[in-house]
């Protein structure tokens, strides 16, 4: 009697990544990135558990700017250590952290709002913005951004800002944001840097780059379902659904 043919399971080959943006090659748009000369320095702090390779935008954002630093970790002793160079006055740096603050609740008018230590709209908004030398963005889910904020007390020396965007995130149905004012990291940078530097071309360039990424993702999504973003994770201990923000 002949033996049945043996079947061997084949493991799919891993999708190669771009060495620059670390996205799967089918989603890489590095060849279309337009360099931007920025006056304000940009520091992006990414939570080490932020693993959305497909739709994350932190590395794509950093690739655009001449003066941009991306750090992956949970905490740093100071702004200087995180940035990798001396910073004389941390108060001349802004940290974008929404937390529980909502621009709509504060009756904010502009798209960028500086807050005081009480979480209220600070006085002399224009004077605050004019003295800034750089901005810090926190990249990760909402809970991860909160962890970065609390694990780096030096951020309290910086100027906290929130956004009051005119339009919702371009993610649309690809990724649900827990709040209407939640934006991707690249969209947040577009609003923040374009507004602070008074350069609408920054927003145009970054948003166009993000649109190309989203278009590319939609094109390959059907053929490569493994690239689809993961649904929010439910924290059983607290019953919290943690939406993505990158």
Foldseek 3Di string as FASTA:
>chain_A
DDDDDDDDDDDDDDQDADPQLRARVLLDPLVVAAADEAQAAEEEEEEQPADQRQQACPRVLQSRYPRYYYHYYQEDAAPCRRSVHDDPAQQLEEEEACPVPDCVVQVDDAFKFWADPVSHGDPPVVVSLVSHRYYYYYFKWNVSSVSSPVRYVNNNRYTYMYGDDPAAEPCPPLFDDPDRRAYAPLQVCLRVRCVSVVNNVSNVSSVVVSVSSVVSCVVCCVVCVVSRDDAFDQDPVVRDGIGIHD
